Amino acid sequence: MGYVYLGIAIVSEVFGTSFLPAAKGFSRFWPSLMCMIGYCSSFYFLSLVLHTVPVGVAYAIWSGVGIVLIGISGVVFYKQIPDLPAMLGMGLIIAGVLVINMFSKTAGH
């Protein structure tokens, strides 16, 4: 169940972060509310993950996958196209998450 909660935490964090530009420094109510709902639910589900997955592994996956999904969100919603070094960096992040999940004995599988 830990990795299901981790997926929900990641999606919630991406949801909240996607509303940050529209919140305009938390000066706009609805985007700010969506941002807060996303972050609060993300940390709640991340706290549930930590019952079964080590904190370092959970945080590495949460932040790594979140970075990539936020990059995609920036392209889709804000037309922010990453350059080649940014895409290479995100590829390395994906590789790191895969290494953790496939080879780490601390990943809690």
Protein backbone atom coordinates (compact mmCIF):
# COMPACT_ATOMS: atom_id res chain seq x y z
CA MET A 1 0.00 0.00 0.00
CA GLY A 2 2.98 2.29 0.59
CA TYR A 3 3.72 2.76 -3.08
CA VAL A 4 0.05 3.45 -3.85
CA TYR A 5 0.15 6.22 -1.23
CA LEU A 6 3.41 7.44 -2.74
CA GLY A 7 1.74 7.72 -6.13
CA ILE A 8 -1.10 9.73 -4.61
CA ALA A 9 1.40 11.95 -2.78
CA ILE A 10 3.29 12.61 -6.02
CA VAL A 11 0.15 13.43 -8.01
CA SER A 12 -1.09 15.71 -5.20
CA GLU A 13 2.24 17.56 -5.08
CA VAL A 14 2.26 18.02 -8.85
CA PHE A 15 -1.34 19.26 -8.69
CA GLY A 16 -0.45 21.83 -6.02
CA THR A 17 2.74 22.99 -7.71
CA SER A 18 0.94 23.37 -11.04
CA PHE A 19 -1.25 26.03 -9.44
CA LEU A 20 1.65 28.08 -8.03
CA PRO A 21 2.13 30.33 -11.08
CA ALA A 22 -1.62 31.02 -11.28
CA ALA A 23 -1.74 31.82 -7.54
CA LYS A 24 0.45 34.90 -8.20
CA GLY A 25 2.17 34.88 -4.81
CA PHE A 26 -0.97 33.59 -3.10
CA SER A 27 -2.83 36.76 -4.08
CA ARG A 28 -5.52 34.87 -6.04
CA PHE A 29 -7.93 32.84 -3.91
CA TRP A 30 -8.90 29.80 -6.03
CA PRO A 31 -5.47 28.93 -7.40
CA SER A 32 -4.02 29.46 -3.91
CA LEU A 33 -6.63 27.15 -2.40
CA MET A 34 -5.93 24.46 -5.02
CA CYS A 35 -2.22 24.79 -4.29
CA MET A 36 -2.76 24.37 -0.54
CA ILE A 37 -5.10 21.41 -1.02
CA GLY A 38 -2.51 19.73 -3.24
CA TYR A 39 0.35 20.28 -0.82
CA CYS A 40 -1.60 19.29 2.29
CA SER A 41 -2.84 16.07 0.73
CA SER A 42 0.63 15.35 -0.62
CA PHE A 43 2.28 15.59 2.79
CA TYR A 44 -0.52 13.58 4.38
CA PHE A 45 -0.06 10.70 1.94
CA LEU A 46 3.73 10.99 2.16
CA SER A 47 3.42 10.54 5.92
CA LEU A 48 1.46 7.31 5.31
CA VAL A 49 4.15 6.09 2.94
CA LEU A 50 6.75 6.35 5.68
CA HIS A 51 5.09 3.51 7.62
CA THR A 52 6.40 1.04 5.04
CA VAL A 53 9.05 2.78 2.90
CA PRO A 54 12.31 4.26 4.26
CA VAL A 55 12.25 8.07 4.29
CA GLY A 56 15.27 8.46 2.00
CA VAL A 57 13.85 6.17 -0.65
CA ALA A 58 10.36 7.66 -0.42
CA TYR A 59 11.67 11.21 -0.67
CA ALA A 60 13.98 10.38 -3.58
CA ILE A 61 11.11 8.86 -5.55
CA TRP A 62 8.63 11.58 -4.51
CA SER A 63 10.90 14.44 -5.48
CA GLY A 64 12.38 12.78 -8.57
CA VAL A 65 9.11 11.76 -10.17
CA GLY A 66 7.57 15.06 -9.08
CA ILE A 67 10.32 17.04 -10.85
CA VAL A 68 9.71 15.20 -14.10
CA LEU A 69 5.92 15.53 -13.88
CA ILE A 70 6.21 19.24 -13.07
CA GLY A 71 8.43 19.63 -16.11
CA ILE A 72 5.70 18.03 -18.21
CA SER A 73 3.06 20.19 -16.50
CA GLY A 74 5.07 23.31 -17.36
CA VAL A 75 5.05 22.32 -21.02
CA VAL A 76 1.34 21.48 -21.12
CA PHE A 77 -0.11 24.34 -19.06
CA TYR A 78 2.45 27.15 -19.35
CA LYS A 79 4.21 26.39 -22.67
CA GLN A 80 7.59 26.29 -20.85
CA ILE A 81 9.69 24.09 -23.12
CA PRO A 82 12.80 22.68 -21.39
CA ASP A 83 16.09 22.88 -23.27
CA LEU A 84 18.38 19.92 -23.93
CA PRO A 85 20.34 20.14 -20.64
CA ALA A 86 17.07 20.26 -18.68
CA MET A 87 15.74 17.21 -20.50
CA LEU A 88 19.03 15.35 -19.97
CA GLY A 89 18.89 16.20 -16.26
CA MET A 90 15.34 14.93 -15.99
CA GLY A 91 16.43 11.77 -17.78
CA LEU A 92 19.14 11.28 -15.16
CA ILE A 93 16.55 11.76 -12.42
CA ILE A 94 14.38 9.06 -14.01
CA ALA A 95 17.43 6.81 -14.21
CA GLY A 96 18.12 7.39 -10.52
CA VAL A 97 14.57 6.51 -9.52
CA LEU A 98 14.77 3.36 -11.63
CA VAL A 99 18.07 2.34 -10.02
CA ILE A 100 16.57 2.79 -6.55
CA ASN A 101 13.50 0.73 -7.41
CA MET A 102 15.27 -2.02 -9.29
CA PHE A 103 18.44 -2.53 -7.25
CA SER A 104 18.14 -1.01 -3.77
CA LYS A 105 17.55 -3.42 -0.91
CA THR A 106 16.29 -0.48 1.20
CA ALA A 107 13.42 0.25 -1.21
CA GLY A 108 11.13 -1.96 0.87
CA HIS A 109 9.80 -4.20 -1.91
